[in-house]
N, C-alpha and C. Protein backbone atom coordinates (compact mmCIF):
# COMPACT_ATOMS: atom_id res chain seq x y z
N UNK A 1 124.64 82.68 116.49
CA UNK A 1 125.00 84.07 116.28
C UNK A 1 125.17 84.77 117.63
N UNK A 2 126.16 85.66 117.70
CA UNK A 2 126.40 86.41 118.93
C UNK A 2 125.73 87.78 118.82
N UNK A 3 124.87 88.06 119.78
CA UNK A 3 124.07 89.30 119.76
C UNK A 3 124.38 90.14 120.99
N UNK A 4 124.55 91.44 120.77
CA UNK A 4 124.65 92.40 121.88
C UNK A 4 123.35 93.20 121.94
N UNK A 5 122.77 93.29 123.12
CA UNK A 5 121.55 94.07 123.32
C UNK A 5 121.92 95.42 123.92
N UNK A 6 121.59 96.48 123.22
CA UNK A 6 121.87 97.83 123.70
C UNK A 6 120.54 98.47 124.05
N UNK A 7 120.36 98.75 125.34
CA UNK A 7 119.07 99.14 125.87
C UNK A 7 118.42 97.89 126.42
N UNK A 8 118.39 97.75 127.74
CA UNK A 8 117.91 96.49 128.32
C UNK A 8 116.72 96.77 129.23
N UNK A 9 115.64 97.28 128.60
CA UNK A 9 114.40 97.47 129.31
C UNK A 9 113.45 96.32 129.04
N UNK A 10 112.16 96.60 129.00
CA UNK A 10 111.17 95.55 128.78
C UNK A 10 111.38 94.85 127.45
N UNK A 11 111.60 95.64 126.39
CA UNK A 11 111.79 95.04 125.07
C UNK A 11 113.08 94.23 125.03
N UNK A 12 114.14 94.77 125.59
CA UNK A 12 115.42 94.08 125.59
C UNK A 12 115.32 92.71 126.25
N UNK A 13 114.58 92.63 127.33
CA UNK A 13 114.45 91.37 128.05
C UNK A 13 113.64 90.34 127.25
N UNK A 14 112.61 90.80 126.54
CA UNK A 14 111.83 89.87 125.71
C UNK A 14 112.67 89.39 124.53
N UNK A 15 113.43 90.30 123.92
CA UNK A 15 114.32 89.94 122.82
C UNK A 15 115.35 88.91 123.30
N UNK A 16 115.89 89.14 124.48
CA UNK A 16 116.86 88.22 125.09
C UNK A 16 116.29 86.80 125.13
N UNK A 17 115.09 86.67 125.65
CA UNK A 17 114.45 85.36 125.80
C UNK A 17 114.20 84.70 124.44
N UNK A 18 113.66 85.45 123.50
CA UNK A 18 113.34 84.89 122.19
C UNK A 18 114.60 84.52 121.43
N UNK A 19 115.63 85.38 121.49
CA UNK A 19 116.89 85.10 120.77
C UNK A 19 117.52 83.81 121.29
N UNK A 20 117.52 83.63 122.60
CA UNK A 20 118.11 82.41 123.15
C UNK A 20 117.31 81.17 122.75
N UNK A 21 115.99 81.28 122.72
CA UNK A 21 115.16 80.16 122.29
C UNK A 21 115.45 79.77 120.83
N UNK A 22 115.89 80.76 120.04
CA UNK A 22 116.20 80.51 118.63
C UNK A 22 117.67 80.11 118.44
N UNK A 23 118.37 79.87 119.55
CA UNK A 23 119.72 79.32 119.48
C UNK A 23 120.84 80.33 119.43
N UNK A 24 120.55 81.59 119.73
CA UNK A 24 121.59 82.62 119.69
C UNK A 24 122.18 82.86 121.08
N UNK A 25 123.36 83.46 121.09
CA UNK A 25 124.05 83.76 122.35
C UNK A 25 124.01 85.27 122.59
N UNK A 26 123.54 85.67 123.74
CA UNK A 26 123.54 87.08 124.12
C UNK A 26 124.84 87.35 124.86
N UNK A 27 125.73 88.13 124.26
CA UNK A 27 127.05 88.34 124.86
C UNK A 27 127.20 89.69 125.55
N UNK A 28 126.17 90.56 125.42
CA UNK A 28 126.19 91.84 126.15
C UNK A 28 124.76 92.30 126.35
N UNK A 29 124.50 92.81 127.55
CA UNK A 29 123.20 93.37 127.89
C UNK A 29 123.49 94.74 128.50
N UNK A 30 123.38 95.79 127.68
CA UNK A 30 123.88 97.10 128.09
C UNK A 30 122.75 98.10 128.34
N UNK A 31 122.84 98.77 129.45
CA UNK A 31 122.02 99.95 129.70
C UNK A 31 122.85 101.22 129.50
N UNK A 32 124.17 101.04 129.47
CA UNK A 32 125.08 102.17 129.27
C UNK A 32 125.47 102.29 127.80
N UNK A 33 126.25 103.32 127.46
CA UNK A 33 126.69 103.56 126.09
C UNK A 33 127.59 102.42 125.62
N UNK A 34 127.36 101.86 124.43
CA UNK A 34 128.19 100.76 123.94
C UNK A 34 129.57 101.23 123.51
N UNK A 35 130.57 100.42 123.80
CA UNK A 35 131.95 100.70 123.41
C UNK A 35 132.59 99.39 122.94
N UNK A 36 133.79 99.49 122.40
CA UNK A 36 134.51 98.28 121.98
C UNK A 36 134.75 97.35 123.16
N UNK A 37 134.89 97.89 124.36
CA UNK A 37 135.19 97.09 125.54
C UNK A 37 133.97 96.32 126.06
N UNK A 38 132.79 96.95 126.03
CA UNK A 38 131.64 96.27 126.66
C UNK A 38 130.72 95.55 125.68
N UNK A 39 130.94 95.72 124.37
CA UNK A 39 130.10 95.02 123.39
C UNK A 39 130.52 93.56 123.20
N UNK A 40 131.79 93.27 123.46
CA UNK A 40 132.30 91.90 123.39
C UNK A 40 132.28 91.30 121.97
N UNK A 41 132.45 92.17 120.96
CA UNK A 41 132.61 91.72 119.57
C UNK A 41 131.45 90.86 119.07
N UNK A 42 130.24 91.42 119.00
CA UNK A 42 129.08 90.65 118.53
C UNK A 42 129.01 90.58 117.01
N UNK A 43 128.17 89.67 116.52
CA UNK A 43 127.87 89.63 115.09
C UNK A 43 126.90 90.73 114.71
N UNK A 44 126.04 91.10 115.65
CA UNK A 44 125.03 92.13 115.40
C UNK A 44 124.61 92.76 116.72
N UNK A 45 124.21 94.03 116.66
CA UNK A 45 123.65 94.74 117.82
C UNK A 45 122.17 94.97 117.57
N UNK A 46 121.35 94.70 118.60
CA UNK A 46 119.94 95.07 118.56
C UNK A 46 119.75 96.20 119.56
N UNK A 47 119.33 97.36 119.04
CA UNK A 47 119.27 98.58 119.85
C UNK A 47 117.82 98.99 120.11
N UNK A 48 117.40 98.89 121.36
CA UNK A 48 116.09 99.37 121.82
C UNK A 48 116.34 100.17 123.10
N UNK A 49 116.68 101.44 122.96
CA UNK A 49 116.99 102.24 124.14
C UNK A 49 115.95 103.34 124.32
N UNK A 50 116.35 104.59 124.18
CA UNK A 50 115.43 105.72 124.28
C UNK A 50 115.85 106.80 123.30
N UNK A 51 114.97 107.75 122.97
CA UNK A 51 115.28 108.74 121.93
C UNK A 51 116.55 109.54 122.20
N UNK A 52 116.86 109.80 123.46
CA UNK A 52 118.03 110.62 123.79
C UNK A 52 119.35 109.87 123.57
N UNK A 53 119.33 108.56 123.75
CA UNK A 53 120.57 107.77 123.69
C UNK A 53 120.79 107.10 122.34
N UNK A 54 119.75 106.94 121.55
CA UNK A 54 119.82 106.09 120.36
C UNK A 54 120.91 106.49 119.38
N UNK A 55 120.99 107.78 119.06
CA UNK A 55 121.95 108.21 118.03
C UNK A 55 123.38 107.84 118.40
N UNK A 56 123.80 108.16 119.60
CA UNK A 56 125.17 107.85 120.03
C UNK A 56 125.39 106.34 120.11
N UNK A 57 124.38 105.63 120.58
CA UNK A 57 124.51 104.17 120.66
C UNK A 57 124.76 103.57 119.28
N UNK A 58 123.94 103.95 118.33
CA UNK A 58 124.05 103.40 116.97
C UNK A 58 125.36 103.83 116.33
N UNK A 59 125.69 105.10 116.48
CA UNK A 59 126.92 105.64 115.89
C UNK A 59 128.14 104.88 116.39
N UNK A 60 128.22 104.65 117.70
CA UNK A 60 129.37 103.94 118.27
C UNK A 60 129.49 102.53 117.69
N UNK A 61 128.38 101.84 117.53
CA UNK A 61 128.41 100.47 117.01
C UNK A 61 128.82 100.45 115.54
N UNK A 62 128.26 101.33 114.74
CA UNK A 62 128.58 101.37 113.32
C UNK A 62 130.05 101.73 113.09
N UNK A 63 130.57 102.64 113.91
CA UNK A 63 131.98 103.02 113.77
C UNK A 63 132.91 101.84 114.05
N UNK A 64 132.42 100.86 114.81
CA UNK A 64 133.19 99.63 115.05
C UNK A 64 132.95 98.58 113.97
N UNK A 65 132.12 98.93 112.98
CA UNK A 65 131.84 98.00 111.90
C UNK A 65 130.83 96.92 112.23
N UNK A 66 130.03 97.15 113.28
CA UNK A 66 129.06 96.15 113.73
C UNK A 66 127.68 96.49 113.16
N UNK A 67 127.01 95.54 112.51
CA UNK A 67 125.65 95.78 112.01
C UNK A 67 124.69 96.09 113.16
N UNK A 68 123.74 97.00 112.90
CA UNK A 68 122.80 97.43 113.94
C UNK A 68 121.37 97.28 113.45
N UNK A 69 120.55 96.64 114.29
CA UNK A 69 119.10 96.61 114.14
C UNK A 69 118.55 97.58 115.19
N UNK A 70 117.83 98.60 114.75
CA UNK A 70 117.35 99.62 115.70
C UNK A 70 115.84 99.71 115.68
N UNK A 71 115.25 99.64 116.89
CA UNK A 71 113.81 99.80 117.03
C UNK A 71 113.43 101.00 117.87
N UNK A 72 114.40 101.84 118.23
CA UNK A 72 114.11 103.03 119.03
C UNK A 72 113.53 104.11 118.12
N UNK A 73 112.45 104.74 118.56
CA UNK A 73 111.84 105.82 117.79
C UNK A 73 112.11 107.16 118.48
N UNK A 74 111.78 108.24 117.78
CA UNK A 74 111.90 109.57 118.38
C UNK A 74 113.22 110.28 118.12
N UNK A 75 114.09 109.74 117.25
CA UNK A 75 115.39 110.35 116.97
C UNK A 75 115.64 110.51 115.46
N UNK A 76 114.60 110.39 114.66
CA UNK A 76 114.76 110.17 113.22
C UNK A 76 115.31 111.35 112.44
N UNK A 77 115.38 112.53 113.05
CA UNK A 77 115.98 113.66 112.34
C UNK A 77 117.46 113.41 112.04
N UNK A 78 118.08 112.50 112.78
CA UNK A 78 119.49 112.18 112.56
C UNK A 78 119.70 110.88 111.78
N UNK A 79 118.60 110.28 111.34
CA UNK A 79 118.70 108.99 110.64
C UNK A 79 119.54 109.07 109.35
N UNK A 80 119.42 110.12 108.53
CA UNK A 80 120.27 110.19 107.32
C UNK A 80 121.76 110.13 107.63
N UNK A 81 122.16 110.75 108.74
CA UNK A 81 123.57 110.72 109.15
C UNK A 81 124.02 109.30 109.49
N UNK A 82 123.15 108.57 110.16
CA UNK A 82 123.44 107.19 110.53
C UNK A 82 123.53 106.31 109.28
N UNK A 83 122.61 106.49 108.35
CA UNK A 83 122.63 105.70 107.12
C UNK A 83 123.90 105.94 106.32
N UNK A 84 124.33 107.19 106.27
CA UNK A 84 125.57 107.53 105.58
C UNK A 84 126.76 106.86 106.25
N UNK A 85 126.77 106.86 107.59
CA UNK A 85 127.87 106.26 108.33
C UNK A 85 127.93 104.74 108.09
N UNK A 86 126.78 104.09 108.03
CA UNK A 86 126.75 102.64 107.79
C UNK A 86 127.41 102.30 106.47
N UNK A 87 127.15 103.10 105.45
CA UNK A 87 127.74 102.87 104.14
C UNK A 87 129.25 103.15 104.18
N UNK A 88 129.63 104.23 104.84
CA UNK A 88 131.05 104.59 104.93
C UNK A 88 131.86 103.51 105.65
N UNK A 89 131.27 102.90 106.66
CA UNK A 89 131.98 101.89 107.45
C UNK A 89 131.81 100.47 106.89
N UNK A 90 131.13 100.38 105.74
CA UNK A 90 130.95 99.09 105.06
C UNK A 90 130.31 98.06 105.98
N UNK A 91 129.29 98.51 106.69
CA UNK A 91 128.54 97.60 107.55
C UNK A 91 127.06 97.74 107.22
N UNK A 92 126.17 97.35 108.11
CA UNK A 92 124.74 97.35 107.80
C UNK A 92 123.93 98.02 108.90
N UNK A 93 122.83 98.65 108.48
CA UNK A 93 121.92 99.30 109.42
C UNK A 93 120.49 99.06 108.97
N UNK A 94 119.65 98.68 109.93
CA UNK A 94 118.23 98.50 109.64
C UNK A 94 117.42 99.14 110.75
N UNK A 95 116.62 100.14 110.38
CA UNK A 95 115.70 100.77 111.33
C UNK A 95 114.30 100.28 111.05
N UNK A 96 113.59 99.95 112.11
CA UNK A 96 112.18 99.60 111.98
C UNK A 96 111.37 100.36 113.01
N UNK A 97 110.38 101.12 112.55
CA UNK A 97 109.49 101.77 113.51
C UNK A 97 108.66 100.73 114.24
N UNK A 98 108.53 99.55 113.62
CA UNK A 98 107.83 98.43 114.24
C UNK A 98 108.27 97.16 113.53
N UNK A 99 108.72 96.16 114.28
CA UNK A 99 109.26 94.94 113.68
C UNK A 99 108.22 93.83 113.53
N UNK A 100 107.01 94.07 113.99
CA UNK A 100 105.98 93.05 113.91
C UNK A 100 105.65 92.70 112.46
N UNK A 101 105.52 91.40 112.17
CA UNK A 101 105.12 90.97 110.84
C UNK A 101 103.76 91.57 110.47
N UNK A 102 102.81 91.50 111.40
CA UNK A 102 101.47 92.02 111.13
C UNK A 102 101.49 93.51 110.82
N UNK A 103 102.29 94.27 111.55
CA UNK A 103 102.35 95.71 111.32
C UNK A 103 102.95 96.02 109.95
N UNK A 104 103.96 95.27 109.55
CA UNK A 104 104.57 95.53 108.24
C UNK A 104 103.62 95.17 107.10
N UNK A 105 102.79 94.16 107.29
CA UNK A 105 101.72 93.90 106.32
C UNK A 105 100.70 95.03 106.36
N UNK A 106 100.43 95.56 107.54
CA UNK A 106 99.52 96.69 107.72
C UNK A 106 100.04 97.93 106.99
N UNK A 107 101.36 98.15 107.05
CA UNK A 107 101.96 99.27 106.31
C UNK A 107 101.65 99.16 104.82
N UNK A 108 101.81 97.97 104.27
CA UNK A 108 101.57 97.76 102.84
C UNK A 108 100.09 97.98 102.50
N UNK A 109 99.20 97.47 103.38
CA UNK A 109 97.77 97.67 103.19
C UNK A 109 97.41 99.15 103.25
N UNK A 110 98.02 99.87 104.17
CA UNK A 110 97.77 101.30 104.33
C UNK A 110 98.12 102.07 103.04
N UNK A 111 99.27 101.75 102.45
CA UNK A 111 99.68 102.44 101.23
C UNK A 111 98.72 102.13 100.08
N UNK A 112 98.30 100.88 99.99
CA UNK A 112 97.36 100.48 98.95
C UNK A 112 96.03 101.20 99.11
N UNK A 113 95.52 101.27 100.34
CA UNK A 113 94.25 101.94 100.58
C UNK A 113 94.35 103.43 100.29
N UNK A 114 95.45 104.06 100.68
CA UNK A 114 95.64 105.50 100.41
C UNK A 114 95.59 105.79 98.91
N UNK A 115 96.21 104.93 98.13
CA UNK A 115 96.21 105.09 96.68
C UNK A 115 94.79 104.93 96.12
N UNK A 116 94.05 103.97 96.67
CA UNK A 116 92.67 103.76 96.22
C UNK A 116 91.76 104.94 96.58
N UNK A 117 91.99 105.54 97.76
CA UNK A 117 91.10 106.60 98.25
C UNK A 117 91.45 107.97 97.69
N UNK A 118 92.64 108.14 97.14
CA UNK A 118 93.10 109.45 96.69
C UNK A 118 92.14 110.14 95.70
N UNK A 119 91.50 109.42 94.77
CA UNK A 119 90.60 110.09 93.83
C UNK A 119 89.26 110.52 94.43
N UNK A 120 89.04 110.28 95.72
CA UNK A 120 87.74 110.55 96.33
C UNK A 120 87.86 111.59 97.45
N UNK A 121 87.86 112.88 97.10
CA UNK A 121 88.09 113.94 98.09
C UNK A 121 86.97 114.08 99.12
N UNK A 122 85.82 113.44 98.87
CA UNK A 122 84.74 113.51 99.85
C UNK A 122 85.08 112.77 101.15
N UNK A 123 86.15 111.96 101.13
CA UNK A 123 86.59 111.26 102.33
C UNK A 123 87.78 111.99 102.96
N UNK A 124 87.62 112.33 104.22
CA UNK A 124 88.75 112.89 104.99
C UNK A 124 89.45 111.75 105.71
N UNK A 125 90.76 111.89 105.91
CA UNK A 125 91.54 110.81 106.53
C UNK A 125 92.13 111.27 107.84
N UNK A 126 92.18 110.40 108.81
CA UNK A 126 92.74 110.70 110.12
C UNK A 126 93.45 109.46 110.65
N UNK A 127 94.57 109.65 111.34
CA UNK A 127 95.30 108.56 111.98
C UNK A 127 95.15 108.66 113.49
N UNK A 128 95.19 107.51 114.16
CA UNK A 128 95.14 107.47 115.61
C UNK A 128 96.06 106.37 116.11
N UNK A 129 96.82 106.68 117.16
CA UNK A 129 97.64 105.65 117.81
C UNK A 129 97.45 105.71 119.31
N UNK A 130 97.38 104.53 119.93
CA UNK A 130 97.22 104.42 121.38
C UNK A 130 98.35 103.57 121.93
N UNK A 131 99.06 104.09 122.94
CA UNK A 131 100.16 103.35 123.57
C UNK A 131 100.10 103.52 125.09
N UNK A 132 100.89 102.71 125.76
CA UNK A 132 101.02 102.76 127.21
C UNK A 132 101.58 104.11 127.67
N UNK A 133 101.34 104.44 128.90
CA UNK A 133 101.70 105.76 129.44
C UNK A 133 103.21 105.94 129.60
N UNK A 134 104.00 104.87 129.45
CA UNK A 134 105.44 104.97 129.62
C UNK A 134 106.16 105.37 128.32
N UNK A 135 105.44 105.37 127.20
CA UNK A 135 106.07 105.67 125.91
C UNK A 135 106.52 107.12 125.89
N UNK A 136 107.78 107.35 125.50
CA UNK A 136 108.39 108.67 125.64
C UNK A 136 108.13 109.59 124.46
N UNK A 137 107.85 109.06 123.27
CA UNK A 137 107.69 109.90 122.09
C UNK A 137 106.25 109.86 121.59
N UNK A 138 105.85 110.93 120.93
CA UNK A 138 104.52 111.01 120.32
C UNK A 138 104.61 111.91 119.09
N UNK A 139 104.05 111.50 117.98
CA UNK A 139 103.38 110.22 117.76
C UNK A 139 104.39 109.08 117.72
N UNK A 140 103.89 107.87 117.71
CA UNK A 140 104.76 106.70 117.65
C UNK A 140 105.46 106.63 116.30
N UNK A 141 106.58 105.92 116.26
CA UNK A 141 107.27 105.71 114.99
C UNK A 141 106.39 104.97 114.00
N UNK A 142 105.58 104.04 114.50
CA UNK A 142 104.67 103.31 113.63
C UNK A 142 103.65 104.25 113.00
N UNK A 143 103.11 105.17 113.79
CA UNK A 143 102.15 106.15 113.26
C UNK A 143 102.81 107.04 112.21
N UNK A 144 104.06 107.42 112.44
CA UNK A 144 104.77 108.25 111.46
C UNK A 144 104.94 107.48 110.15
N UNK A 145 105.30 106.19 110.24
CA UNK A 145 105.43 105.37 109.03
C UNK A 145 104.10 105.28 108.30
N UNK A 146 103.01 105.10 109.04
CA UNK A 146 101.68 105.07 108.43
C UNK A 146 101.37 106.41 107.75
N UNK A 147 101.69 107.50 108.42
CA UNK A 147 101.45 108.83 107.85
C UNK A 147 102.25 109.02 106.56
N UNK A 148 103.51 108.59 106.58
CA UNK A 148 104.34 108.72 105.39
C UNK A 148 103.78 107.87 104.24
N UNK A 149 103.18 106.72 104.58
CA UNK A 149 102.56 105.88 103.56
C UNK A 149 101.37 106.55 102.91
N UNK A 150 100.59 107.28 103.71
CA UNK A 150 99.45 108.02 103.16
C UNK A 150 99.95 109.20 102.33
N UNK A 151 100.90 109.95 102.87
CA UNK A 151 101.41 111.14 102.19
C UNK A 151 102.00 110.78 100.83
N UNK A 152 102.71 109.65 100.77
CA UNK A 152 103.33 109.24 99.52
C UNK A 152 102.35 108.79 98.45
N UNK A 153 101.09 108.61 98.83
CA UNK A 153 100.09 108.12 97.89
C UNK A 153 98.85 109.01 97.85
N UNK A 154 99.04 110.29 98.19
CA UNK A 154 97.91 111.22 98.24
C UNK A 154 98.41 112.64 98.03
N UNK A 155 97.52 113.61 98.25
CA UNK A 155 97.89 115.00 98.08
C UNK A 155 98.39 115.67 99.34
N UNK A 156 98.52 114.92 100.44
CA UNK A 156 99.04 115.51 101.68
C UNK A 156 100.53 115.81 101.54
N UNK A 157 100.96 116.85 102.23
CA UNK A 157 102.36 117.28 102.14
C UNK A 157 103.15 116.99 103.41
N UNK A 158 102.47 116.87 104.55
CA UNK A 158 103.15 116.64 105.82
C UNK A 158 102.13 116.09 106.82
N UNK A 159 102.64 115.71 108.02
CA UNK A 159 101.75 115.26 109.08
C UNK A 159 101.93 116.16 110.30
N UNK A 160 100.96 116.12 111.19
CA UNK A 160 101.03 116.89 112.44
C UNK A 160 100.23 116.17 113.50
N UNK A 161 100.53 116.45 114.75
CA UNK A 161 99.68 115.96 115.83
C UNK A 161 98.35 116.71 115.81
N UNK A 162 97.31 116.06 116.24
CA UNK A 162 95.95 116.58 116.29
C UNK A 162 95.19 116.27 115.00
N UNK A 163 94.27 117.14 114.63
CA UNK A 163 93.31 116.83 113.57
C UNK A 163 93.83 117.19 112.19
N UNK A 164 93.43 116.40 111.19
CA UNK A 164 93.80 116.70 109.80
C UNK A 164 93.23 118.05 109.39
N UNK A 165 94.09 118.85 108.72
CA UNK A 165 93.64 120.15 108.23
C UNK A 165 94.43 120.51 106.98
N UNK A 166 93.70 120.77 105.90
CA UNK A 166 94.35 121.15 104.65
C UNK A 166 95.27 120.06 104.14
N UNK A 167 96.53 120.42 103.88
CA UNK A 167 97.52 119.49 103.35
C UNK A 167 98.29 118.78 104.46
N UNK A 168 97.88 119.01 105.73
CA UNK A 168 98.55 118.38 106.87
C UNK A 168 97.70 117.21 107.38
N UNK A 169 98.27 116.04 107.34
CA UNK A 169 97.58 114.83 107.80
C UNK A 169 97.66 114.74 109.32
N UNK A 170 96.53 114.56 109.97
CA UNK A 170 96.50 114.57 111.43
C UNK A 170 96.71 113.21 112.06
N UNK A 171 97.38 113.22 113.21
CA UNK A 171 97.58 112.01 114.01
C UNK A 171 97.15 112.31 115.45
N UNK A 172 96.21 111.54 115.95
CA UNK A 172 95.86 111.61 117.37
C UNK A 172 96.75 110.62 118.12
N UNK A 173 97.50 111.10 119.12
CA UNK A 173 98.38 110.25 119.93
C UNK A 173 97.80 110.17 121.34
N UNK A 174 97.38 108.99 121.73
CA UNK A 174 96.71 108.77 123.02
C UNK A 174 97.58 107.88 123.89
N UNK A 175 97.73 108.22 125.16
CA UNK A 175 98.51 107.42 126.09
C UNK A 175 97.60 106.95 127.22
N UNK A 176 97.46 105.63 127.36
CA UNK A 176 96.60 105.11 128.43
C UNK A 176 97.05 103.73 128.89
N UNK A 177 97.03 103.52 130.17
CA UNK A 177 97.28 102.23 130.83
C UNK A 177 98.53 101.53 130.28
N UNK A 178 98.43 100.26 129.97
CA UNK A 178 99.58 99.47 129.51
C UNK A 178 99.38 98.95 128.08
N UNK A 179 98.72 99.73 127.25
CA UNK A 179 98.42 99.32 125.87
C UNK A 179 99.72 99.14 125.08
N UNK A 180 99.98 97.94 124.52
CA UNK A 180 101.22 97.72 123.75
C UNK A 180 101.29 98.52 122.47
N UNK A 181 100.13 98.74 121.83
CA UNK A 181 100.13 99.53 120.60
C UNK A 181 98.92 99.22 119.74
N UNK A 182 98.10 100.26 119.48
CA UNK A 182 96.95 100.14 118.58
C UNK A 182 97.01 101.29 117.59
N UNK A 183 96.93 100.97 116.29
CA UNK A 183 97.02 101.99 115.25
C UNK A 183 95.83 101.88 114.30
N UNK A 184 95.21 103.01 114.01
CA UNK A 184 94.05 103.04 113.13
C UNK A 184 94.22 104.13 112.08
N UNK A 185 93.74 103.82 110.89
CA UNK A 185 93.65 104.81 109.81
C UNK A 185 92.21 104.77 109.33
N UNK A 186 91.54 105.93 109.37
CA UNK A 186 90.16 105.90 108.93
C UNK A 186 89.83 107.04 107.97
N UNK A 187 88.98 106.70 107.01
CA UNK A 187 88.50 107.62 105.98
C UNK A 187 87.02 107.84 106.22
N UNK A 188 86.63 109.10 106.41
CA UNK A 188 85.25 109.39 106.79
C UNK A 188 84.61 110.37 105.81
N UNK A 189 83.40 110.05 105.38
CA UNK A 189 82.60 110.96 104.57
C UNK A 189 81.34 111.30 105.35
N UNK A 190 80.43 112.02 104.73
CA UNK A 190 79.18 112.36 105.40
C UNK A 190 78.26 111.14 105.56
N UNK A 191 78.53 110.10 104.78
CA UNK A 191 77.60 108.96 104.80
C UNK A 191 78.20 107.67 105.34
N UNK A 192 79.54 107.56 105.40
CA UNK A 192 80.12 106.31 105.90
C UNK A 192 81.59 106.50 106.29
N UNK A 193 82.17 105.42 106.78
CA UNK A 193 83.56 105.44 107.22
C UNK A 193 84.23 104.12 106.88
N UNK A 194 85.46 104.20 106.41
CA UNK A 194 86.29 103.03 106.16
C UNK A 194 87.46 103.09 107.14
N UNK A 195 87.72 101.99 107.85
CA UNK A 195 88.80 101.98 108.85
C UNK A 195 89.64 100.72 108.72
N UNK A 196 90.96 100.89 108.79
CA UNK A 196 91.86 99.75 108.96
C UNK A 196 92.57 99.93 110.30
N UNK A 197 92.81 98.81 110.97
CA UNK A 197 93.30 98.89 112.34
C UNK A 197 94.22 97.71 112.65
N UNK A 198 95.29 97.98 113.37
CA UNK A 198 96.16 96.92 113.89
C UNK A 198 96.25 97.05 115.40
N UNK A 199 96.02 95.94 116.09
CA UNK A 199 96.08 95.92 117.55
C UNK A 199 97.11 94.88 117.99
N UNK A 200 98.11 95.33 118.73
CA UNK A 200 99.10 94.40 119.30
C UNK A 200 98.60 93.92 120.66
N UNK A 201 98.69 92.62 120.90
CA UNK A 201 98.25 92.06 122.18
C UNK A 201 99.37 92.07 123.22
N UNK A 202 100.63 92.03 122.74
CA UNK A 202 101.79 92.09 123.63
C UNK A 202 103.00 92.49 122.81
N UNK A 203 104.18 92.52 123.43
CA UNK A 203 105.39 92.97 122.75
C UNK A 203 106.14 91.84 122.04
N UNK A 204 105.66 90.62 122.16
CA UNK A 204 106.40 89.49 121.62
C UNK A 204 106.59 89.56 120.11
N UNK A 205 105.58 90.06 119.41
CA UNK A 205 105.69 90.18 117.96
C UNK A 205 106.78 91.14 117.54
N UNK A 206 106.92 92.25 118.29
CA UNK A 206 107.98 93.21 118.00
C UNK A 206 109.35 92.57 118.21
N UNK A 207 109.48 91.86 119.32
CA UNK A 207 110.76 91.25 119.68
C UNK A 207 111.16 90.17 118.68
N UNK A 208 110.23 89.32 118.32
CA UNK A 208 110.53 88.25 117.36
C UNK A 208 110.98 88.84 116.03
N UNK A 209 110.30 89.89 115.57
CA UNK A 209 110.68 90.53 114.31
C UNK A 209 112.08 91.09 114.36
N UNK A 210 112.47 91.66 115.50
CA UNK A 210 113.82 92.22 115.63
C UNK A 210 114.87 91.11 115.55
N UNK A 211 114.58 89.96 116.16
CA UNK A 211 115.52 88.84 116.10
C UNK A 211 115.61 88.28 114.67
N UNK A 212 114.48 88.14 114.02
CA UNK A 212 114.47 87.68 112.63
C UNK A 212 115.27 88.64 111.74
N UNK A 213 115.12 89.95 111.98
CA UNK A 213 115.87 90.93 111.21
C UNK A 213 117.37 90.79 111.45
N UNK A 214 117.76 90.52 112.69
CA UNK A 214 119.19 90.35 113.00
C UNK A 214 119.75 89.11 112.34
N UNK A 215 118.95 88.05 112.26
CA UNK A 215 119.38 86.84 111.55
C UNK A 215 119.58 87.13 110.06
N UNK A 216 118.67 87.92 109.51
CA UNK A 216 118.70 88.22 108.08
C UNK A 216 119.87 89.11 107.70
N UNK A 217 120.21 90.08 108.56
CA UNK A 217 121.19 91.11 108.20
C UNK A 217 122.64 90.64 108.34
N UNK A 218 122.85 89.53 109.02
CA UNK A 218 124.22 89.05 109.24
C UNK A 218 124.95 88.88 107.90
N UNK A 219 126.16 89.47 107.82
CA UNK A 219 127.03 89.41 106.64
C UNK A 219 126.56 90.28 105.47
N UNK A 220 125.50 91.08 105.67
CA UNK A 220 125.06 92.00 104.61
C UNK A 220 125.66 93.39 104.83
N UNK A 221 125.72 94.18 103.76
CA UNK A 221 126.24 95.54 103.82
C UNK A 221 125.21 96.49 103.22
N UNK A 222 124.97 97.60 103.91
CA UNK A 222 124.05 98.59 103.36
C UNK A 222 122.98 98.99 104.35
N UNK A 223 121.98 99.72 103.84
CA UNK A 223 120.87 100.22 104.65
C UNK A 223 119.60 99.51 104.21
N UNK A 224 118.87 98.97 105.18
CA UNK A 224 117.73 98.12 104.86
C UNK A 224 116.51 98.49 105.71
N UNK A 225 115.37 97.91 105.33
CA UNK A 225 114.13 98.05 106.09
C UNK A 225 113.52 96.66 106.28
N UNK A 226 112.43 96.61 107.02
CA UNK A 226 111.73 95.33 107.19
C UNK A 226 111.13 94.82 105.90
N UNK A 227 110.88 95.71 104.94
CA UNK A 227 110.42 95.25 103.62
C UNK A 227 111.43 94.33 102.99
N UNK A 228 112.71 94.63 103.17
CA UNK A 228 113.77 93.77 102.63
C UNK A 228 113.76 92.41 103.34
N UNK A 229 113.60 92.44 104.65
CA UNK A 229 113.63 91.19 105.43
C UNK A 229 112.45 90.29 105.03
N UNK A 230 111.29 90.89 104.85
CA UNK A 230 110.07 90.11 104.61
C UNK A 230 109.75 89.95 103.13
N UNK A 231 110.54 90.59 102.26
CA UNK A 231 110.29 90.48 100.83
C UNK A 231 109.01 91.14 100.37
N UNK A 232 108.62 92.24 101.04
CA UNK A 232 107.37 92.93 100.69
C UNK A 232 107.63 93.96 99.59
C-alpha cells in the first residue's frame, strides 16, 4: 500500500518506520500543506500535524478523493464539516483521538463503568490526563473521548477543564516532562475510591494503530472510528 504522511514530526517518523516494517511504501513525507502535486497519489493519507493545520490538510486530501486517517487533536469543532465532505467526495475518513489498542479497550471499559456508577450519586467522578510539555492542546483528545463516554452514560451534560461541578464533568490537564500519555477516571465517595487508568509507555502503540487503521480503511467509503477497525 502507498501511504502519504502529512505532518512529519515525532509521530510521523514512528509511523514511517512501522509502516515500512509492515511492507508499505511511504511515497510522501510532508510538513507543508498537501496538494495533488506533493501527495504523489497515495492509497491513503495518515495525518498527524497540529491543530492549526489539520482542517486544511484533511480537507485538501478528501477533495482529491484520498482516504484520510487523522490523529491530530484540538480541531474538532470542524469535524462535522470534514465528515460531510468525505461522504460528498465518496471517500473515507477516520478520526481517532487515540489509535492505541489498549486505549480503545479503555474507552469501552470507561463507558461500562460510567453506566454502572450512574445509579450511585454518592460517588463523584473526575478525569485526569498527563502529557509531555510539548503537547499543544488541552485537554487531550483522548480525555475528551473519555469525558464523552461518561456523559453519554450519566447525568452530566458537558465537560470542562478543572474540577467537576454540577452537571459539568471536570478534567485535570497536566503537562510534565516527556510523558507519552496517562489517563485516569476516578469515582470518589466519603469512604472509598474506584479508579481506572491507562498509561502509555511510548508512542509506538499509537503509531501501530494508525497503520492498522490505514490498512483497514483501504477501498472503504464513509466515516469510521477505531471501534469499526477493532470490531468493538
